[in-house]
């Protein structure tokens, strides 16, 4: 696991690097959203959501095993694109499979971490 606190001094540069690394998924998400339309047309909504799990898992494994800042940035890019890839098909799929009274809550919580969502509501 990457321990930035041991390799860099706490200071302005350290804070900038951490903020930059944390914002990368949000910067890359639109790229995945644009590509999700092509993915859904080729594979369909359900299959595309299943296929997106492969790069998502690879991104998280890279986050957990990153030894350098560059590896962490690469993992964040993969995760950002993957989040964008699953955003549109997920909301559409929820709309197709759920009952009308549940669609709003499912679409509103799509892509949220279940543990974080339920943990903060208690």
N, C-alpha and C. Protein backbone atom coordinates (compact mmCIF):
# COMPACT_ATOMS: atom_id res chain seq x y z
N UNK A 1 0.84 -1.18 0.00
CA UNK A 1 0.00 0.00 0.00
C UNK A 1 0.89 1.24 0.00
N UNK A 2 0.48 2.22 -0.75
CA UNK A 2 1.24 3.45 -0.87
C UNK A 2 1.09 4.29 0.39
N UNK A 3 2.19 4.61 1.01
CA UNK A 3 2.18 5.44 2.21
C UNK A 3 2.85 6.76 1.88
N UNK A 4 2.04 7.70 1.44
CA UNK A 4 2.59 8.99 1.02
C UNK A 4 3.16 9.77 2.20
N UNK A 5 2.63 9.55 3.39
CA UNK A 5 3.09 10.32 4.53
C UNK A 5 4.53 9.97 4.90
N UNK A 6 5.00 8.78 4.55
CA UNK A 6 6.36 8.38 4.89
C UNK A 6 7.37 8.83 3.84
N UNK A 7 6.94 9.05 2.62
CA UNK A 7 7.89 9.38 1.56
C UNK A 7 7.97 10.86 1.27
N UNK A 8 6.97 11.63 1.61
CA UNK A 8 6.97 13.06 1.34
C UNK A 8 6.78 13.84 2.63
N UNK A 9 7.27 15.05 2.64
CA UNK A 9 7.04 15.92 3.77
C UNK A 9 5.61 16.43 3.71
N UNK A 10 5.04 16.65 4.87
CA UNK A 10 3.73 17.28 4.90
C UNK A 10 3.93 18.75 4.55
N UNK A 11 3.29 19.19 3.52
CA UNK A 11 3.44 20.56 3.09
C UNK A 11 2.50 20.85 1.94
N UNK A 12 2.73 21.97 1.29
CA UNK A 12 1.87 22.40 0.21
C UNK A 12 1.91 21.43 -0.97
N UNK A 13 3.08 20.95 -1.34
CA UNK A 13 3.21 20.01 -2.45
C UNK A 13 2.48 18.71 -2.15
N UNK A 14 2.61 18.22 -0.94
CA UNK A 14 1.94 16.99 -0.52
C UNK A 14 0.42 17.16 -0.60
N UNK A 15 -0.09 18.28 -0.10
CA UNK A 15 -1.52 18.55 -0.14
C UNK A 15 -2.02 18.66 -1.57
N UNK A 16 -1.23 19.31 -2.43
CA UNK A 16 -1.63 19.43 -3.84
C UNK A 16 -1.71 18.07 -4.50
N UNK A 17 -0.73 17.21 -4.25
CA UNK A 17 -0.72 15.88 -4.86
C UNK A 17 -1.91 15.06 -4.40
N UNK A 18 -2.24 15.13 -3.12
CA UNK A 18 -3.38 14.37 -2.62
C UNK A 18 -4.70 14.90 -3.20
N UNK A 19 -4.83 16.21 -3.28
CA UNK A 19 -6.05 16.79 -3.87
C UNK A 19 -6.14 16.45 -5.35
N UNK A 20 -5.03 16.48 -6.04
CA UNK A 20 -5.01 16.13 -7.46
C UNK A 20 -5.40 14.68 -7.66
N UNK A 21 -4.85 13.78 -6.86
CA UNK A 21 -5.17 12.35 -6.99
C UNK A 21 -6.63 12.09 -6.66
N UNK A 22 -7.17 12.80 -5.70
CA UNK A 22 -8.57 12.59 -5.33
C UNK A 22 -9.54 13.12 -6.38
N UNK A 23 -9.13 14.09 -7.17
CA UNK A 23 -10.04 14.68 -8.15
C UNK A 23 -9.99 14.00 -9.52
N UNK A 24 -9.03 13.13 -9.74
CA UNK A 24 -8.88 12.49 -11.05
C UNK A 24 -10.12 11.70 -11.48
N UNK A 25 -10.76 10.91 -10.61
CA UNK A 25 -11.95 10.20 -11.07
C UNK A 25 -13.05 11.13 -11.59
N UNK A 26 -13.20 12.28 -10.95
CA UNK A 26 -14.23 13.22 -11.39
C UNK A 26 -13.88 13.87 -12.72
N UNK A 27 -12.60 14.01 -12.99
CA UNK A 27 -12.15 14.57 -14.26
C UNK A 27 -12.35 13.55 -15.38
N UNK A 28 -12.12 12.27 -15.10
CA UNK A 28 -12.19 11.22 -16.12
C UNK A 28 -13.58 10.63 -16.30
N UNK A 29 -14.49 10.90 -15.39
CA UNK A 29 -15.83 10.33 -15.48
C UNK A 29 -16.57 10.71 -16.76
N UNK A 30 -16.52 11.95 -17.25
CA UNK A 30 -17.21 12.26 -18.50
C UNK A 30 -16.71 11.45 -19.70
N UNK A 31 -15.44 11.09 -19.71
CA UNK A 31 -14.91 10.26 -20.80
C UNK A 31 -15.63 8.92 -20.82
N UNK A 32 -15.78 8.32 -19.65
CA UNK A 32 -16.49 7.05 -19.56
C UNK A 32 -17.96 7.19 -19.90
N UNK A 33 -18.57 8.30 -19.53
CA UNK A 33 -19.99 8.51 -19.85
C UNK A 33 -20.22 8.57 -21.35
N UNK A 34 -19.32 9.22 -22.07
CA UNK A 34 -19.43 9.30 -23.52
C UNK A 34 -19.26 7.91 -24.14
N UNK A 35 -18.31 7.15 -23.62
CA UNK A 35 -18.06 5.81 -24.16
C UNK A 35 -19.13 4.80 -23.77
N UNK A 36 -19.93 5.10 -22.74
CA UNK A 36 -20.93 4.13 -22.29
C UNK A 36 -22.03 3.91 -23.31
N UNK A 37 -22.33 4.92 -24.11
CA UNK A 37 -23.34 4.75 -25.15
C UNK A 37 -22.96 3.70 -26.17
N UNK A 38 -21.71 3.72 -26.57
CA UNK A 38 -21.21 2.72 -27.52
C UNK A 38 -21.23 1.34 -26.89
N UNK A 39 -20.80 1.26 -25.65
CA UNK A 39 -20.76 -0.02 -24.95
C UNK A 39 -22.16 -0.62 -24.80
N UNK A 40 -23.14 0.22 -24.47
CA UNK A 40 -24.50 -0.26 -24.30
C UNK A 40 -25.10 -0.72 -25.62
N UNK A 41 -24.83 -0.01 -26.70
CA UNK A 41 -25.37 -0.42 -28.00
C UNK A 41 -24.78 -1.73 -28.48
N UNK A 42 -23.52 -1.98 -28.16
CA UNK A 42 -22.87 -3.21 -28.61
C UNK A 42 -23.27 -4.40 -27.74
N UNK A 43 -23.24 -4.23 -26.41
CA UNK A 43 -23.44 -5.36 -25.51
C UNK A 43 -24.79 -5.38 -24.80
N UNK A 44 -25.50 -4.28 -24.78
CA UNK A 44 -26.74 -4.20 -24.00
C UNK A 44 -26.44 -3.71 -22.60
N UNK A 45 -27.50 -3.32 -21.88
CA UNK A 45 -27.30 -2.72 -20.57
C UNK A 45 -26.78 -3.71 -19.53
N UNK A 46 -27.40 -4.87 -19.45
CA UNK A 46 -27.01 -5.83 -18.42
C UNK A 46 -25.59 -6.35 -18.65
N UNK A 47 -25.28 -6.73 -19.86
CA UNK A 47 -23.94 -7.26 -20.14
C UNK A 47 -22.86 -6.19 -19.99
N UNK A 48 -23.19 -4.95 -20.38
CA UNK A 48 -22.19 -3.90 -20.22
C UNK A 48 -21.91 -3.63 -18.75
N UNK A 49 -22.92 -3.71 -17.90
CA UNK A 49 -22.69 -3.54 -16.47
C UNK A 49 -21.84 -4.67 -15.90
N UNK A 50 -22.02 -5.86 -16.42
CA UNK A 50 -21.21 -6.99 -15.98
C UNK A 50 -19.76 -6.83 -16.46
N UNK A 51 -19.59 -6.42 -17.71
CA UNK A 51 -18.24 -6.24 -18.26
C UNK A 51 -17.46 -5.11 -17.59
N UNK A 52 -18.15 -4.09 -17.14
CA UNK A 52 -17.49 -2.94 -16.52
C UNK A 52 -16.85 -3.33 -15.19
N UNK A 53 -17.29 -4.42 -14.60
CA UNK A 53 -16.69 -4.85 -13.33
C UNK A 53 -15.23 -5.24 -13.46
N UNK A 54 -14.81 -5.68 -14.64
CA UNK A 54 -13.41 -6.10 -14.83
C UNK A 54 -12.45 -4.92 -14.66
N UNK A 55 -12.61 -3.80 -15.39
CA UNK A 55 -11.69 -2.68 -15.15
C UNK A 55 -11.89 -2.04 -13.78
N UNK A 56 -13.10 -2.13 -13.25
CA UNK A 56 -13.35 -1.59 -11.92
C UNK A 56 -12.54 -2.35 -10.87
N UNK A 57 -12.55 -3.67 -10.97
CA UNK A 57 -11.76 -4.50 -10.07
C UNK A 57 -10.26 -4.25 -10.26
N UNK A 58 -9.84 -4.12 -11.51
CA UNK A 58 -8.42 -3.84 -11.79
C UNK A 58 -8.01 -2.50 -11.19
N UNK A 59 -8.86 -1.51 -11.29
CA UNK A 59 -8.55 -0.20 -10.71
C UNK A 59 -8.41 -0.25 -9.20
N UNK A 60 -9.30 -0.95 -8.54
CA UNK A 60 -9.21 -1.06 -7.09
C UNK A 60 -8.02 -1.89 -6.65
N UNK A 61 -7.71 -2.93 -7.39
CA UNK A 61 -6.51 -3.71 -7.06
C UNK A 61 -5.25 -2.86 -7.21
N UNK A 62 -5.24 -2.01 -8.22
CA UNK A 62 -4.09 -1.13 -8.42
C UNK A 62 -4.01 -0.08 -7.31
N UNK A 63 -5.15 0.40 -6.85
CA UNK A 63 -5.14 1.34 -5.73
C UNK A 63 -4.55 0.67 -4.49
N UNK A 64 -4.95 -0.57 -4.24
CA UNK A 64 -4.49 -1.28 -3.04
C UNK A 64 -3.02 -1.66 -3.11
N UNK A 65 -2.49 -1.86 -4.30
CA UNK A 65 -1.11 -2.32 -4.42
C UNK A 65 -0.15 -1.25 -4.96
N UNK A 66 -0.62 -0.03 -5.08
CA UNK A 66 0.21 1.04 -5.64
C UNK A 66 1.41 1.33 -4.75
N UNK A 67 2.57 1.40 -5.37
CA UNK A 67 3.80 1.72 -4.65
C UNK A 67 4.32 3.11 -4.98
N UNK A 68 3.84 3.69 -6.06
CA UNK A 68 4.28 5.03 -6.45
C UNK A 68 3.06 5.90 -6.70
N UNK A 69 3.31 7.19 -6.73
CA UNK A 69 2.24 8.13 -6.99
C UNK A 69 1.68 7.95 -8.41
N UNK A 70 2.52 7.60 -9.35
CA UNK A 70 2.09 7.40 -10.74
C UNK A 70 1.13 6.21 -10.84
N UNK A 71 1.39 5.15 -10.09
CA UNK A 71 0.47 4.01 -10.09
C UNK A 71 -0.87 4.39 -9.49
N UNK A 72 -0.84 5.22 -8.46
CA UNK A 72 -2.08 5.69 -7.86
C UNK A 72 -2.88 6.54 -8.84
N UNK A 73 -2.20 7.39 -9.59
CA UNK A 73 -2.87 8.22 -10.59
C UNK A 73 -3.47 7.34 -11.69
N UNK A 74 -2.75 6.33 -12.14
CA UNK A 74 -3.27 5.41 -13.16
C UNK A 74 -4.51 4.68 -12.65
N UNK A 75 -4.47 4.27 -11.40
CA UNK A 75 -5.63 3.59 -10.82
C UNK A 75 -6.83 4.53 -10.75
N UNK A 76 -6.61 5.78 -10.40
CA UNK A 76 -7.70 6.74 -10.33
C UNK A 76 -8.29 7.03 -11.71
N UNK A 77 -7.44 7.06 -12.74
CA UNK A 77 -7.93 7.25 -14.11
C UNK A 77 -8.82 6.07 -14.51
N UNK A 78 -8.37 4.85 -14.23
CA UNK A 78 -9.16 3.66 -14.56
C UNK A 78 -10.50 3.71 -13.82
N UNK A 79 -10.48 4.05 -12.55
CA UNK A 79 -11.72 4.11 -11.77
C UNK A 79 -12.66 5.20 -12.27
N UNK A 80 -12.12 6.35 -12.64
CA UNK A 80 -12.96 7.43 -13.15
C UNK A 80 -13.66 7.06 -14.44
N UNK A 81 -12.92 6.48 -15.36
CA UNK A 81 -13.53 6.06 -16.63
C UNK A 81 -14.56 4.97 -16.39
N UNK A 82 -14.27 4.05 -15.49
CA UNK A 82 -15.19 2.96 -15.20
C UNK A 82 -16.47 3.47 -14.56
N UNK A 83 -16.37 4.42 -13.67
CA UNK A 83 -17.57 5.01 -13.06
C UNK A 83 -18.43 5.65 -14.13
N UNK A 84 -17.81 6.34 -15.06
CA UNK A 84 -18.57 6.94 -16.16
C UNK A 84 -19.20 5.89 -17.06
N UNK A 85 -18.51 4.77 -17.26
CA UNK A 85 -19.05 3.71 -18.11
C UNK A 85 -20.31 3.09 -17.53
N UNK A 86 -20.41 3.02 -16.22
CA UNK A 86 -21.57 2.34 -15.64
C UNK A 86 -22.68 3.30 -15.22
N UNK A 87 -22.47 4.58 -15.32
CA UNK A 87 -23.46 5.52 -14.82
C UNK A 87 -24.76 5.51 -15.63
N UNK A 88 -24.69 5.67 -16.92
CA UNK A 88 -25.91 5.73 -17.75
C UNK A 88 -26.64 4.38 -17.83
N UNK A 89 -25.95 3.27 -18.10
CA UNK A 89 -26.68 2.00 -18.17
C UNK A 89 -27.29 1.58 -16.84
N UNK A 90 -26.67 1.98 -15.74
CA UNK A 90 -27.19 1.60 -14.43
C UNK A 90 -28.53 2.26 -14.16
N UNK A 91 -28.64 3.55 -14.42
CA UNK A 91 -29.92 4.24 -14.21
C UNK A 91 -31.00 3.71 -15.14
N UNK A 92 -30.66 3.43 -16.37
CA UNK A 92 -31.64 2.88 -17.32
C UNK A 92 -32.07 1.49 -16.90
N UNK A 93 -31.13 0.68 -16.48
CA UNK A 93 -31.43 -0.68 -16.04
C UNK A 93 -32.33 -0.66 -14.80
N UNK A 94 -32.05 0.22 -13.86
CA UNK A 94 -32.92 0.36 -12.68
C UNK A 94 -34.34 0.74 -13.10
N UNK A 95 -34.45 1.63 -14.07
CA UNK A 95 -35.77 2.03 -14.54
C UNK A 95 -36.54 0.90 -15.20
N UNK A 96 -35.84 -0.02 -15.82
CA UNK A 96 -36.50 -1.13 -16.50
C UNK A 96 -36.92 -2.25 -15.56
N UNK A 97 -36.14 -2.50 -14.52
CA UNK A 97 -36.41 -3.68 -13.70
C UNK A 97 -37.18 -3.39 -12.42
N UNK A 98 -37.29 -2.14 -12.02
CA UNK A 98 -37.89 -1.83 -10.72
C UNK A 98 -39.35 -1.40 -10.86
N UNK A 99 -40.03 -1.46 -9.74
CA UNK A 99 -41.41 -1.00 -9.68
C UNK A 99 -41.42 0.52 -9.70
N UNK A 100 -42.49 1.12 -10.22
CA UNK A 100 -42.52 2.58 -10.36
C UNK A 100 -42.28 3.35 -9.06
N UNK A 101 -42.76 2.83 -7.94
CA UNK A 101 -42.58 3.56 -6.68
C UNK A 101 -41.16 3.47 -6.13
N UNK A 102 -40.35 2.55 -6.65
CA UNK A 102 -38.97 2.41 -6.19
C UNK A 102 -37.95 3.05 -7.13
N UNK A 103 -38.37 3.46 -8.30
CA UNK A 103 -37.42 3.98 -9.30
C UNK A 103 -36.68 5.21 -8.83
N UNK A 104 -37.35 6.11 -8.16
CA UNK A 104 -36.71 7.35 -7.71
C UNK A 104 -35.59 7.10 -6.71
N UNK A 105 -35.84 6.25 -5.72
CA UNK A 105 -34.82 5.98 -4.72
C UNK A 105 -33.66 5.19 -5.31
N UNK A 106 -33.94 4.26 -6.22
CA UNK A 106 -32.88 3.50 -6.84
C UNK A 106 -32.02 4.38 -7.75
N UNK A 107 -32.66 5.23 -8.54
CA UNK A 107 -31.90 6.12 -9.43
C UNK A 107 -31.12 7.15 -8.63
N UNK A 108 -31.66 7.59 -7.51
CA UNK A 108 -30.97 8.58 -6.68
C UNK A 108 -29.76 8.03 -5.96
N UNK A 109 -29.77 6.73 -5.70
CA UNK A 109 -28.64 6.12 -4.99
C UNK A 109 -27.78 5.29 -5.92
N UNK A 110 -27.98 5.36 -7.23
CA UNK A 110 -27.19 4.58 -8.18
C UNK A 110 -25.73 4.98 -8.10
N UNK A 111 -24.86 4.00 -7.97
CA UNK A 111 -23.43 4.26 -7.93
C UNK A 111 -22.91 4.65 -6.56
N UNK A 112 -23.79 4.77 -5.59
CA UNK A 112 -23.34 5.11 -4.24
C UNK A 112 -22.85 3.85 -3.55
N UNK A 113 -21.90 4.04 -2.66
CA UNK A 113 -21.40 2.93 -1.86
C UNK A 113 -22.45 2.60 -0.82
N UNK A 114 -22.94 1.38 -0.84
CA UNK A 114 -23.99 0.99 0.09
C UNK A 114 -23.60 1.16 1.54
N UNK A 115 -22.38 0.80 1.90
CA UNK A 115 -21.94 0.94 3.28
C UNK A 115 -21.90 2.39 3.72
N UNK A 116 -21.42 3.26 2.85
CA UNK A 116 -21.37 4.68 3.19
C UNK A 116 -22.77 5.26 3.28
N UNK A 117 -23.63 4.88 2.33
CA UNK A 117 -24.99 5.43 2.32
C UNK A 117 -25.75 5.01 3.57
N UNK A 118 -25.73 3.73 3.86
CA UNK A 118 -26.50 3.25 5.01
C UNK A 118 -25.81 3.62 6.31
N UNK A 119 -24.48 3.67 6.31
CA UNK A 119 -23.77 4.04 7.53
C UNK A 119 -24.02 5.47 7.94
N UNK A 120 -24.15 6.38 6.97
CA UNK A 120 -24.41 7.78 7.28
C UNK A 120 -25.86 8.03 7.64
N UNK A 121 -26.75 7.14 7.26
CA UNK A 121 -28.17 7.37 7.56
C UNK A 121 -28.53 6.93 8.96
N UNK A 122 -27.66 6.17 9.62
CA UNK A 122 -27.97 5.73 10.98
C UNK A 122 -27.60 6.81 11.91
